[in-house]
């Protein structure tokens, strides 16, 4: 079973201020570095990073990206749906599933992603599904009373992902298709403002939960 991970980091992050949110320091490293480490731990050598706003600044200030497979979405301003659609078209041709991860979900751990992956493989084995057979279900996070990413999409959903537009992300697929949900409270914590980062750093509840 071949899994790829898509790390979404194309947004402008207007609420964070002038400094690119992706470069904000957390535990001695940029936020983006933490997400990439998680992704590489789960799927070594099979990570696709999507950049957009601030791409030139991010690449110039993170020399480690020279070793990362990344793409820059020229139309990132069209929204997260358009960014996902662009990125899916650049996944490896042998990818049988993709895990979508937001770069600012800083509390998500490697154990969380491993739990998602184990649930995905288990439900696939239980149903007797063969990759590409049309039987595999999406496995996604459940937090704050809603479904969301991180989420693992079987290859049969790649055309749906590639057809997303504007600000409507993958959630519209999660709400209309059969899914296996995994309780992942850490996914509720994302970073939109400097205050959010401060609260997470101080191990307090963030002021903004999406």
N, C-alpha and C. Protein backbone atom coordinates (compact mmCIF):
# COMPACT_ATOMS: atom_id res chain seq x y z
N UNK A 1 0.85 -1.19 0.00
CA UNK A 1 0.00 0.00 0.00
C UNK A 1 0.89 1.24 0.00
N UNK A 2 0.82 2.02 -1.06
CA UNK A 2 1.72 3.17 -1.21
C UNK A 2 1.01 4.47 -0.83
N UNK A 3 1.47 5.08 0.24
CA UNK A 3 0.89 6.33 0.74
C UNK A 3 1.79 7.51 0.43
N UNK A 4 1.20 8.60 -0.05
CA UNK A 4 1.91 9.88 -0.16
C UNK A 4 1.27 10.86 0.81
N UNK A 5 2.04 11.85 1.24
CA UNK A 5 1.53 12.88 2.14
C UNK A 5 1.62 14.23 1.45
N UNK A 6 0.53 14.96 1.47
CA UNK A 6 0.48 16.31 0.91
C UNK A 6 0.41 17.31 2.06
N UNK A 7 1.43 18.15 2.17
CA UNK A 7 1.48 19.18 3.21
C UNK A 7 1.07 20.51 2.56
N UNK A 8 -0.04 21.07 3.01
CA UNK A 8 -0.54 22.31 2.43
C UNK A 8 0.00 23.51 3.20
N UNK A 9 0.76 24.36 2.50
CA UNK A 9 1.35 25.55 3.13
C UNK A 9 1.34 26.72 2.15
N UNK A 10 0.27 26.83 1.37
CA UNK A 10 0.22 27.82 0.30
C UNK A 10 -0.47 29.12 0.69
N UNK A 11 -1.14 29.14 1.83
CA UNK A 11 -1.93 30.31 2.20
C UNK A 11 -1.10 31.52 2.61
N UNK A 12 -1.74 32.67 2.54
CA UNK A 12 -1.04 33.91 2.87
C UNK A 12 -0.95 34.15 4.37
N UNK A 13 -1.92 33.64 5.12
CA UNK A 13 -1.89 33.83 6.57
C UNK A 13 -1.98 35.29 6.97
N UNK A 14 -2.96 35.99 6.42
CA UNK A 14 -3.07 37.44 6.66
C UNK A 14 -3.19 37.78 8.14
N UNK A 15 -3.87 36.95 8.91
CA UNK A 15 -4.10 37.25 10.32
C UNK A 15 -2.84 37.11 11.16
N UNK A 16 -1.82 36.51 10.60
CA UNK A 16 -0.58 36.32 11.37
C UNK A 16 0.31 37.55 11.33
N UNK A 17 0.10 38.41 10.33
CA UNK A 17 0.92 39.61 10.23
C UNK A 17 1.89 39.53 9.06
N UNK A 18 2.90 40.39 9.08
CA UNK A 18 3.82 40.50 7.96
C UNK A 18 4.73 39.28 7.82
N UNK A 19 5.12 38.69 8.94
CA UNK A 19 6.00 37.52 8.89
C UNK A 19 5.22 36.31 8.38
N UNK A 20 5.75 35.59 7.38
CA UNK A 20 5.06 34.37 6.92
C UNK A 20 4.84 33.41 8.07
N UNK A 21 3.60 32.99 8.23
CA UNK A 21 3.27 32.08 9.32
C UNK A 21 4.09 30.80 9.25
N UNK A 22 4.36 30.34 8.05
CA UNK A 22 5.10 29.09 7.88
C UNK A 22 6.48 29.14 8.51
N UNK A 23 7.02 30.37 8.67
CA UNK A 23 8.38 30.53 9.21
C UNK A 23 8.40 30.87 10.69
N UNK A 24 7.23 31.03 11.30
CA UNK A 24 7.17 31.36 12.72
C UNK A 24 7.86 30.25 13.53
N UNK A 25 8.62 30.64 14.53
CA UNK A 25 9.39 29.69 15.31
C UNK A 25 8.55 28.98 16.37
N UNK A 26 8.68 27.68 16.41
CA UNK A 26 8.03 26.86 17.43
C UNK A 26 9.00 25.76 17.84
N UNK A 27 9.35 25.75 19.10
CA UNK A 27 10.30 24.78 19.64
C UNK A 27 11.60 24.76 18.83
N UNK A 28 12.06 25.96 18.46
CA UNK A 28 13.36 26.07 17.82
C UNK A 28 13.41 25.82 16.33
N UNK A 29 12.26 25.70 15.69
CA UNK A 29 12.23 25.46 14.25
C UNK A 29 10.98 26.11 13.66
N UNK A 30 10.98 26.38 12.35
CA UNK A 30 9.77 26.95 11.71
C UNK A 30 8.60 25.99 11.82
N UNK A 31 7.39 26.55 11.89
CA UNK A 31 6.19 25.72 11.93
C UNK A 31 6.21 24.70 10.80
N UNK A 32 6.58 25.15 9.62
CA UNK A 32 6.57 24.27 8.46
C UNK A 32 7.51 23.09 8.63
N UNK A 33 8.62 23.29 9.29
CA UNK A 33 9.58 22.20 9.50
C UNK A 33 8.98 21.09 10.33
N UNK A 34 8.16 21.45 11.31
CA UNK A 34 7.52 20.45 12.16
C UNK A 34 6.58 19.58 11.33
N UNK A 35 5.78 20.21 10.47
CA UNK A 35 4.84 19.46 9.64
C UNK A 35 5.58 18.53 8.69
N UNK A 36 6.66 19.02 8.12
CA UNK A 36 7.42 18.20 7.19
C UNK A 36 8.06 17.00 7.89
N UNK A 37 8.51 17.20 9.12
CA UNK A 37 9.08 16.10 9.88
C UNK A 37 8.04 15.02 10.14
N UNK A 38 6.83 15.44 10.51
CA UNK A 38 5.74 14.48 10.72
C UNK A 38 5.46 13.69 9.45
N UNK A 39 5.37 14.42 8.35
CA UNK A 39 5.04 13.78 7.07
C UNK A 39 6.12 12.78 6.67
N UNK A 40 7.38 13.17 6.81
CA UNK A 40 8.48 12.29 6.42
C UNK A 40 8.56 11.06 7.33
N UNK A 41 8.19 11.22 8.59
CA UNK A 41 8.19 10.08 9.51
C UNK A 41 7.18 9.03 9.06
N UNK A 42 6.02 9.48 8.59
CA UNK A 42 4.98 8.55 8.16
C UNK A 42 5.26 7.97 6.78
N UNK A 43 5.73 8.81 5.87
CA UNK A 43 5.91 8.38 4.48
C UNK A 43 7.25 8.88 3.95
N UNK A 44 8.35 8.28 4.37
CA UNK A 44 9.69 8.75 3.97
C UNK A 44 9.85 8.80 2.45
N UNK A 45 10.29 9.96 1.97
CA UNK A 45 10.53 10.12 0.54
C UNK A 45 9.29 10.25 -0.31
N UNK A 46 8.13 10.33 0.32
CA UNK A 46 6.88 10.41 -0.44
C UNK A 46 6.03 11.60 0.03
N UNK A 47 6.69 12.71 0.30
CA UNK A 47 6.02 13.91 0.78
C UNK A 47 6.03 14.97 -0.32
N UNK A 48 4.87 15.58 -0.54
CA UNK A 48 4.76 16.69 -1.47
C UNK A 48 4.35 17.92 -0.68
N UNK A 49 5.16 18.96 -0.73
CA UNK A 49 4.87 20.22 -0.06
C UNK A 49 4.33 21.21 -1.08
N UNK A 50 3.20 21.82 -0.75
CA UNK A 50 2.63 22.83 -1.64
C UNK A 50 2.82 24.21 -1.05
N UNK A 51 3.54 25.06 -1.76
CA UNK A 51 3.74 26.45 -1.37
C UNK A 51 2.97 27.36 -2.31
N UNK A 52 2.80 28.60 -1.88
CA UNK A 52 2.10 29.58 -2.71
C UNK A 52 2.53 30.98 -2.32
N UNK A 53 1.76 31.61 -1.42
CA UNK A 53 2.14 32.92 -0.90
C UNK A 53 3.48 32.80 -0.16
N UNK A 54 4.31 33.81 -0.28
CA UNK A 54 5.61 33.86 0.40
C UNK A 54 6.56 32.74 -0.02
N UNK A 55 6.28 32.07 -1.13
CA UNK A 55 7.09 30.90 -1.50
C UNK A 55 8.57 31.24 -1.61
N UNK A 56 8.89 32.35 -2.26
CA UNK A 56 10.30 32.71 -2.45
C UNK A 56 11.00 32.95 -1.13
N UNK A 57 10.31 33.65 -0.21
CA UNK A 57 10.88 33.92 1.11
C UNK A 57 11.08 32.63 1.89
N UNK A 58 10.08 31.76 1.86
CA UNK A 58 10.15 30.50 2.61
C UNK A 58 11.31 29.65 2.11
N UNK A 59 11.43 29.51 0.80
CA UNK A 59 12.49 28.68 0.25
C UNK A 59 13.87 29.26 0.56
N UNK A 60 13.99 30.59 0.52
CA UNK A 60 15.29 31.21 0.78
C UNK A 60 15.71 31.09 2.24
N UNK A 61 14.73 31.00 3.15
CA UNK A 61 15.04 30.94 4.57
C UNK A 61 14.97 29.54 5.17
N UNK A 62 14.62 28.57 4.35
CA UNK A 62 14.61 27.18 4.81
C UNK A 62 15.43 26.33 3.85
N UNK A 63 16.75 26.36 4.00
CA UNK A 63 17.62 25.63 3.07
C UNK A 63 17.32 24.13 3.01
N UNK A 64 16.69 23.61 4.07
CA UNK A 64 16.37 22.17 4.07
C UNK A 64 15.35 21.82 2.99
N UNK A 65 14.65 22.82 2.46
CA UNK A 65 13.67 22.54 1.41
C UNK A 65 14.34 22.10 0.11
N UNK A 66 15.64 22.28 0.01
CA UNK A 66 16.35 21.79 -1.17
C UNK A 66 16.26 20.27 -1.27
N UNK A 67 15.96 19.63 -0.15
CA UNK A 67 15.85 18.17 -0.13
C UNK A 67 14.39 17.72 -0.13
N UNK A 68 13.48 18.67 -0.31
CA UNK A 68 12.05 18.37 -0.24
C UNK A 68 11.42 18.51 -1.63
N UNK A 69 10.51 17.60 -1.94
CA UNK A 69 9.76 17.71 -3.18
C UNK A 69 8.64 18.73 -2.97
N UNK A 70 8.79 19.90 -3.54
CA UNK A 70 7.75 20.92 -3.36
C UNK A 70 7.33 21.51 -4.70
N UNK A 71 6.11 22.05 -4.70
CA UNK A 71 5.58 22.74 -5.86
C UNK A 71 5.04 24.09 -5.39
N UNK A 72 5.11 25.08 -6.26
CA UNK A 72 4.56 26.40 -5.95
C UNK A 72 3.31 26.60 -6.80
N UNK A 73 2.19 26.83 -6.13
CA UNK A 73 0.94 27.04 -6.83
C UNK A 73 0.83 28.51 -7.24
N UNK A 74 0.88 28.81 -8.52
CA UNK A 74 0.85 30.21 -8.95
C UNK A 74 -0.47 30.91 -8.66
N UNK A 75 -1.54 30.12 -8.49
CA UNK A 75 -2.86 30.71 -8.24
C UNK A 75 -3.36 30.38 -6.83
N UNK A 76 -2.45 30.44 -5.87
CA UNK A 76 -2.79 30.11 -4.48
C UNK A 76 -3.91 30.98 -3.94
N UNK A 77 -4.03 32.21 -4.44
CA UNK A 77 -5.04 33.14 -3.92
C UNK A 77 -6.47 32.68 -4.23
N UNK A 78 -6.62 31.71 -5.10
CA UNK A 78 -7.97 31.22 -5.42
C UNK A 78 -8.56 30.38 -4.30
N UNK A 79 -7.74 29.98 -3.33
CA UNK A 79 -8.27 29.25 -2.18
C UNK A 79 -7.74 27.85 -2.02
N UNK A 80 -8.07 27.25 -0.88
CA UNK A 80 -7.52 25.95 -0.53
C UNK A 80 -7.99 24.86 -1.47
N UNK A 81 -9.23 24.96 -1.96
CA UNK A 81 -9.72 23.96 -2.90
C UNK A 81 -8.89 23.93 -4.16
N UNK A 82 -8.62 25.11 -4.70
CA UNK A 82 -7.80 25.21 -5.90
C UNK A 82 -6.38 24.71 -5.64
N UNK A 83 -5.88 24.95 -4.45
CA UNK A 83 -4.53 24.49 -4.11
C UNK A 83 -4.46 22.97 -4.04
N UNK A 84 -5.47 22.35 -3.43
CA UNK A 84 -5.51 20.89 -3.37
C UNK A 84 -5.59 20.32 -4.78
N UNK A 85 -6.44 20.89 -5.60
CA UNK A 85 -6.60 20.41 -6.98
C UNK A 85 -5.28 20.45 -7.73
N UNK A 86 -4.54 21.54 -7.56
CA UNK A 86 -3.24 21.69 -8.21
C UNK A 86 -2.27 20.64 -7.71
N UNK A 87 -2.22 20.46 -6.39
CA UNK A 87 -1.24 19.55 -5.79
C UNK A 87 -1.49 18.09 -6.17
N UNK A 88 -2.75 17.69 -6.19
CA UNK A 88 -3.08 16.30 -6.49
C UNK A 88 -2.55 15.89 -7.86
N UNK A 89 -2.51 16.83 -8.77
CA UNK A 89 -2.02 16.53 -10.11
C UNK A 89 -0.51 16.29 -10.13
N UNK A 90 0.16 16.59 -9.03
CA UNK A 90 1.62 16.40 -8.96
C UNK A 90 2.01 15.27 -8.01
N UNK A 91 1.03 14.48 -7.56
CA UNK A 91 1.36 13.32 -6.73
C UNK A 91 2.03 12.24 -7.58
N UNK A 92 2.83 11.38 -6.96
CA UNK A 92 3.45 10.28 -7.72
C UNK A 92 2.38 9.41 -8.40
N UNK A 93 2.69 8.92 -9.56
CA UNK A 93 1.72 8.13 -10.32
C UNK A 93 1.38 6.81 -9.63
N UNK A 94 2.26 6.35 -8.73
CA UNK A 94 1.99 5.09 -8.05
C UNK A 94 1.31 5.27 -6.69
N UNK A 95 0.93 6.50 -6.34
CA UNK A 95 0.28 6.75 -5.05
C UNK A 95 -1.08 6.08 -5.02
N UNK A 96 -1.30 5.24 -4.04
CA UNK A 96 -2.58 4.56 -3.88
C UNK A 96 -3.49 5.28 -2.89
N UNK A 97 -2.92 6.20 -2.14
CA UNK A 97 -3.69 7.02 -1.20
C UNK A 97 -2.86 8.25 -0.87
N UNK A 98 -3.55 9.30 -0.44
CA UNK A 98 -2.85 10.52 -0.04
C UNK A 98 -3.39 11.00 1.30
N UNK A 99 -2.49 11.36 2.19
CA UNK A 99 -2.87 11.98 3.45
C UNK A 99 -2.67 13.48 3.30
N UNK A 100 -3.73 14.24 3.54
CA UNK A 100 -3.65 15.70 3.46
C UNK A 100 -3.47 16.27 4.86
N UNK A 101 -2.44 17.09 5.00
CA UNK A 101 -2.07 17.68 6.30
C UNK A 101 -1.87 19.17 6.14
N UNK A 102 -2.44 19.95 7.05
CA UNK A 102 -2.25 21.40 7.04
C UNK A 102 -0.98 21.74 7.82
N UNK A 103 -0.18 22.65 7.28
CA UNK A 103 1.10 22.99 7.90
C UNK A 103 0.93 23.66 9.26
N UNK A 104 -0.24 24.25 9.53
CA UNK A 104 -0.38 24.98 10.80
C UNK A 104 -1.10 24.18 11.89
N UNK A 105 -1.38 22.89 11.65
CA UNK A 105 -1.97 22.05 12.70
C UNK A 105 -0.84 21.53 13.59
N UNK A 106 -0.30 22.44 14.36
CA UNK A 106 0.97 22.21 15.04
C UNK A 106 0.89 21.17 16.16
N UNK A 107 -0.30 20.92 16.69
CA UNK A 107 -0.42 19.96 17.79
C UNK A 107 -0.53 18.52 17.32
N UNK A 108 -0.79 18.32 16.04
CA UNK A 108 -0.87 16.95 15.52
C UNK A 108 0.48 16.26 15.68
N UNK A 109 0.46 15.03 16.15
CA UNK A 109 1.70 14.31 16.44
C UNK A 109 1.91 13.16 15.45
N UNK A 110 3.12 12.60 15.49
CA UNK A 110 3.38 11.45 14.65
C UNK A 110 2.50 10.27 15.05
N UNK A 111 2.18 10.18 16.34
CA UNK A 111 1.28 9.12 16.81
C UNK A 111 -0.12 9.30 16.22
N UNK A 112 -0.57 10.56 16.11
CA UNK A 112 -1.88 10.84 15.51
C UNK A 112 -1.93 10.36 14.06
N UNK A 113 -0.90 10.70 13.30
CA UNK A 113 -0.88 10.31 11.89
C UNK A 113 -0.75 8.80 11.74
N UNK A 114 0.03 8.19 12.60
CA UNK A 114 0.17 6.74 12.56
C UNK A 114 -1.17 6.07 12.87
N UNK A 115 -1.92 6.66 13.80
CA UNK A 115 -3.24 6.11 14.15
C UNK A 115 -4.17 6.18 12.94
N UNK A 116 -4.16 7.30 12.23
CA UNK A 116 -4.97 7.42 11.02
C UNK A 116 -4.59 6.35 10.00
N UNK A 117 -3.30 6.17 9.80
CA UNK A 117 -2.82 5.22 8.80
C UNK A 117 -3.18 3.78 9.19
N UNK A 118 -3.06 3.45 10.46
CA UNK A 118 -3.42 2.11 10.91
C UNK A 118 -4.91 1.86 10.72
N UNK A 119 -5.74 2.86 11.01
CA UNK A 119 -7.18 2.71 10.78
C UNK A 119 -7.48 2.54 9.31
N UNK A 120 -6.74 3.24 8.47
CA UNK A 120 -6.96 3.13 7.03
C UNK A 120 -6.64 1.71 6.55
N UNK A 121 -5.48 1.22 6.94
CA UNK A 121 -5.09 -0.12 6.49
C UNK A 121 -6.01 -1.19 7.08
N UNK A 122 -6.47 -0.97 8.32
CA UNK A 122 -7.34 -1.95 8.96
C UNK A 122 -8.69 -2.02 8.27
N UNK A 123 -9.29 -0.85 7.98
CA UNK A 123 -10.60 -0.87 7.34
C UNK A 123 -10.51 -1.44 5.94
N UNK A 124 -9.37 -1.23 5.31
CA UNK A 124 -9.17 -1.77 3.96
C UNK A 124 -9.07 -3.29 4.01
N UNK A 125 -8.34 -3.80 5.00
CA UNK A 125 -8.21 -5.24 5.13
C UNK A 125 -9.52 -5.89 5.56
N UNK A 126 -10.24 -5.23 6.45
CA UNK A 126 -11.50 -5.77 6.95
C UNK A 126 -12.54 -5.90 5.84
N UNK A 127 -12.55 -4.89 4.96
CA UNK A 127 -13.54 -4.91 3.87
C UNK A 127 -13.10 -5.79 2.71
N UNK A 128 -11.83 -6.26 2.78
CA UNK A 128 -11.32 -7.07 1.70
C UNK A 128 -11.04 -6.27 0.46
N UNK A 129 -10.90 -4.96 0.63
CA UNK A 129 -10.70 -4.08 -0.53
C UNK A 129 -9.31 -4.26 -1.11
N UNK A 130 -9.24 -4.18 -2.40
CA UNK A 130 -7.98 -4.16 -3.12
C UNK A 130 -7.78 -2.75 -3.62
N UNK A 131 -6.56 -2.24 -3.53
CA UNK A 131 -6.31 -0.86 -3.95
C UNK A 131 -6.89 -0.60 -5.33
N UNK A 132 -7.70 0.45 -5.42
CA UNK A 132 -8.29 0.82 -6.69
C UNK A 132 -9.59 0.09 -6.99
N UNK A 133 -10.05 -0.76 -6.07
CA UNK A 133 -11.26 -1.54 -6.33
C UNK A 133 -12.53 -0.74 -6.13
N UNK A 134 -12.41 0.43 -5.52
CA UNK A 134 -13.60 1.24 -5.26
C UNK A 134 -14.24 0.95 -3.93
N UNK A 135 -13.60 0.14 -3.09
CA UNK A 135 -14.18 -0.20 -1.79
C UNK A 135 -13.54 0.55 -0.63
N UNK A 136 -12.36 1.10 -0.83
CA UNK A 136 -11.68 1.78 0.27
C UNK A 136 -12.44 3.04 0.66
N UNK A 137 -12.52 3.28 1.96
CA UNK A 137 -13.17 4.48 2.49
C UNK A 137 -12.13 5.52 2.88
N UNK A 138 -12.56 6.75 2.92
CA UNK A 138 -11.74 7.84 3.45
C UNK A 138 -11.63 7.67 4.96
N UNK A 139 -10.45 7.90 5.50
CA UNK A 139 -10.27 7.94 6.95
C UNK A 139 -9.86 9.35 7.32
N UNK A 140 -10.63 9.98 8.22
CA UNK A 140 -10.38 11.39 8.53
C UNK A 140 -10.44 11.64 10.03
N UNK A 141 -9.93 12.79 10.40
CA UNK A 141 -9.96 13.22 11.80
C UNK A 141 -11.35 13.71 12.18
N UNK A 142 -11.70 13.50 13.44
CA UNK A 142 -12.93 14.07 14.00
C UNK A 142 -12.54 14.88 15.23
N UNK A 143 -12.90 16.17 15.22
CA UNK A 143 -12.53 17.04 16.33
C UNK A 143 -13.50 18.22 16.38
N UNK A 144 -13.72 18.73 17.59
CA UNK A 144 -14.61 19.88 17.79
C UNK A 144 -15.96 19.67 17.11
N UNK A 145 -16.44 18.43 17.12
CA UNK A 145 -17.75 18.13 16.56
C UNK A 145 -17.83 18.12 15.06
N UNK A 146 -16.70 18.01 14.38
CA UNK A 146 -16.72 18.03 12.92
C UNK A 146 -15.68 17.09 12.33
N UNK A 147 -15.85 16.79 11.05
CA UNK A 147 -14.88 16.01 10.31
C UNK A 147 -13.91 16.96 9.63
N UNK A 148 -12.65 16.52 9.49
CA UNK A 148 -11.70 17.39 8.83
C UNK A 148 -10.38 16.68 8.58
N UNK A 149 -9.41 17.45 8.16
CA UNK A 149 -8.06 16.92 7.95
C UNK A 149 -7.27 17.05 9.25
N UNK A 150 -6.27 16.20 9.41
CA UNK A 150 -5.70 15.25 8.48
C UNK A 150 -6.71 14.18 8.05
N UNK A 151 -6.60 13.80 6.79
CA UNK A 151 -7.48 12.78 6.24
C UNK A 151 -6.75 12.02 5.15
N UNK A 152 -7.07 10.74 5.05
CA UNK A 152 -6.46 9.89 4.03
C UNK A 152 -7.50 9.57 2.97
N UNK A 153 -7.19 9.92 1.73
CA UNK A 153 -8.10 9.69 0.61
C UNK A 153 -7.55 8.59 -0.29
N UNK A 154 -8.34 7.54 -0.56
CA UNK A 154 -7.92 6.52 -1.52
C UNK A 154 -7.79 7.14 -2.91
N UNK A 155 -7.08 6.47 -3.76
CA UNK A 155 -6.83 6.97 -5.11
C UNK A 155 -8.12 7.25 -5.88
N UNK A 156 -9.17 6.49 -5.61
CA UNK A 156 -10.40 6.70 -6.36
C UNK A 156 -11.01 8.08 -6.14
N UNK A 157 -10.54 8.77 -5.09
CA UNK A 157 -11.03 10.13 -4.85
C UNK A 157 -10.13 11.20 -5.45
N UNK A 158 -9.03 10.82 -6.05
CA UNK A 158 -8.12 11.81 -6.63
C UNK A 158 -8.83 12.71 -7.66
N UNK A 159 -9.67 12.16 -8.55
CA UNK A 159 -10.38 13.04 -9.49
C UNK A 159 -11.28 14.06 -8.79
N UNK A 160 -11.91 13.65 -7.68
CA UNK A 160 -12.75 14.60 -6.93
C UNK A 160 -11.90 15.69 -6.31
N UNK A 161 -10.76 15.31 -5.78
CA UNK A 161 -9.86 16.29 -5.19
C UNK A 161 -9.32 17.25 -6.26
N UNK A 162 -9.03 16.71 -7.43
CA UNK A 162 -8.47 17.52 -8.51
C UNK A 162 -9.51 18.45 -9.13
N UNK A 163 -10.77 18.23 -8.77
CA UNK A 163 -11.84 19.08 -9.31
C UNK A 163 -12.28 20.16 -8.32
N UNK A 164 -11.66 20.20 -7.14
CA UNK A 164 -12.02 21.22 -6.15
C UNK A 164 -11.68 22.61 -6.68
N UNK A 165 -12.46 23.59 -6.22
CA UNK A 165 -12.25 24.96 -6.67
C UNK A 165 -12.40 25.92 -5.49
N UNK A 166 -11.81 27.09 -5.64
CA UNK A 166 -11.99 28.18 -4.68
C UNK A 166 -11.63 27.83 -3.26
N UNK A 167 -12.40 28.37 -2.31
CA UNK A 167 -12.13 28.18 -0.89
C UNK A 167 -12.77 26.93 -0.32
N UNK A 168 -13.46 26.16 -1.14
CA UNK A 168 -14.08 24.93 -0.67
C UNK A 168 -13.04 23.82 -0.71
N UNK A 169 -12.63 23.38 0.48
CA UNK A 169 -11.60 22.36 0.55
C UNK A 169 -12.15 20.95 0.52
N UNK A 170 -11.39 20.02 1.08
CA UNK A 170 -11.77 18.62 1.01
C UNK A 170 -12.95 18.27 1.91
N UNK A 171 -13.33 19.18 2.81
CA UNK A 171 -14.42 18.87 3.74
C UNK A 171 -15.72 18.56 3.02
N UNK A 172 -15.95 19.19 1.86
CA UNK A 172 -17.19 18.92 1.12
C UNK A 172 -17.26 17.47 0.69
N UNK A 173 -16.10 16.84 0.46
CA UNK A 173 -16.08 15.42 0.12
C UNK A 173 -16.34 14.59 1.37
N UNK A 174 -15.75 14.98 2.49
CA UNK A 174 -15.94 14.24 3.74
C UNK A 174 -17.40 14.21 4.16
N UNK A 175 -18.14 15.26 3.84
CA UNK A 175 -19.54 15.36 4.27
C UNK A 175 -20.50 14.65 3.34
N UNK A 176 -20.02 14.20 2.20
CA UNK A 176 -20.92 13.57 1.23
C UNK A 176 -20.55 12.13 0.90
N UNK A 177 -19.47 11.63 1.49
CA UNK A 177 -19.02 10.28 1.21
C UNK A 177 -18.91 9.47 2.52
N UNK A 178 -19.01 8.14 2.41
CA UNK A 178 -18.81 7.31 3.62
C UNK A 178 -17.37 7.42 4.09
N UNK A 179 -17.21 7.67 5.38
CA UNK A 179 -15.87 7.84 5.93
C UNK A 179 -15.73 7.02 7.21
N UNK A 180 -14.50 6.77 7.57
CA UNK A 180 -14.16 6.23 8.89
C UNK A 180 -13.51 7.37 9.65
N UNK A 181 -14.13 7.78 10.75
CA UNK A 181 -13.59 8.93 11.49
C UNK A 181 -12.80 8.46 12.70
N UNK A 182 -11.77 9.22 13.01
CA UNK A 182 -10.89 8.93 14.14
C UNK A 182 -10.84 10.16 15.03
N UNK A 183 -11.12 9.97 16.31
CA UNK A 183 -11.06 11.11 17.24
C UNK A 183 -9.64 11.63 17.31
N UNK A 184 -9.46 12.90 16.96
CA UNK A 184 -8.13 13.51 16.92
C UNK A 184 -8.23 14.94 17.46
N UNK A 185 -8.36 15.10 18.76
CA UNK A 185 -8.51 16.44 19.35
C UNK A 185 -7.39 17.40 18.98
N UNK A 186 -6.19 16.88 18.80
CA UNK A 186 -5.06 17.75 18.47
C UNK A 186 -5.25 18.48 17.15
N UNK A 187 -6.06 17.93 16.27
CA UNK A 187 -6.26 18.56 14.97
C UNK A 187 -7.07 19.85 15.07
N UNK A 188 -7.74 20.05 16.20
CA UNK A 188 -8.52 21.27 16.38
C UNK A 188 -7.64 22.49 16.60
N UNK A 189 -6.39 22.27 16.95
CA UNK A 189 -5.49 23.38 17.26
C UNK A 189 -4.69 23.75 16.03
N UNK A 190 -4.98 24.93 15.49
CA UNK A 190 -4.17 25.43 14.40
C UNK A 190 -3.71 26.85 14.74
N UNK A 191 -2.80 27.34 13.92
CA UNK A 191 -2.18 28.63 14.22
C UNK A 191 -2.62 29.65 13.17
N UNK A 192 -3.40 30.63 13.60
CA UNK A 192 -3.83 31.69 12.69
C UNK A 192 -3.23 33.04 13.05
N UNK A 193 -2.91 33.23 14.33
CA UNK A 193 -2.40 34.52 14.79
C UNK A 193 -1.19 34.29 15.70
N UNK A 194 -0.39 35.33 15.94
CA UNK A 194 0.72 35.19 16.89
C UNK A 194 0.24 34.78 18.28
N UNK A 195 -0.97 35.22 18.63
CA UNK A 195 -1.53 34.87 19.94
C UNK A 195 -1.78 33.36 20.04
N UNK A 196 -2.27 32.77 18.94
CA UNK A 196 -2.47 31.32 18.93
C UNK A 196 -1.16 30.60 19.22
N UNK A 197 -0.11 31.04 18.56
CA UNK A 197 1.19 30.40 18.74
C UNK A 197 1.68 30.57 20.18
N UNK A 198 1.46 31.75 20.74
CA UNK A 198 1.86 32.00 22.12
C UNK A 198 1.13 31.06 23.07
N UNK A 199 -0.18 30.89 22.87
CA UNK A 199 -0.95 30.02 23.76
C UNK A 199 -0.50 28.56 23.64
N UNK A 200 -0.23 28.13 22.43
CA UNK A 200 0.22 26.75 22.24
C UNK A 200 1.59 26.57 22.90
N UNK A 201 2.46 27.54 22.73
CA UNK A 201 3.80 27.48 23.32
C UNK A 201 3.71 27.42 24.84
N UNK A 202 2.75 28.16 25.39
CA UNK A 202 2.57 28.18 26.84
C UNK A 202 1.70 27.04 27.34
N UNK A 203 1.34 26.12 26.41
CA UNK A 203 0.52 24.96 26.75
C UNK A 203 -0.84 25.35 27.28
N UNK A 204 -1.40 26.41 26.67
CA UNK A 204 -2.74 26.84 27.02
C UNK A 204 -3.66 26.60 25.83
N UNK A 205 -4.96 26.70 26.07
CA UNK A 205 -5.91 26.53 24.98
C UNK A 205 -5.76 27.67 24.01
N UNK A 206 -5.62 27.40 22.71
CA UNK A 206 -5.46 28.48 21.73
C UNK A 206 -6.71 29.33 21.64
N UNK A 207 -6.51 30.60 21.27
CA UNK A 207 -7.63 31.52 21.19
C UNK A 207 -8.47 31.31 19.96
N UNK A 208 -7.94 30.57 18.97
CA UNK A 208 -8.68 30.37 17.72
C UNK A 208 -8.67 28.90 17.36
N UNK A 209 -9.80 28.27 17.43
CA UNK A 209 -9.94 26.88 17.02
C UNK A 209 -10.82 26.83 15.78
N UNK A 210 -10.36 26.21 14.72
CA UNK A 210 -11.15 26.08 13.49
C UNK A 210 -11.58 24.63 13.30
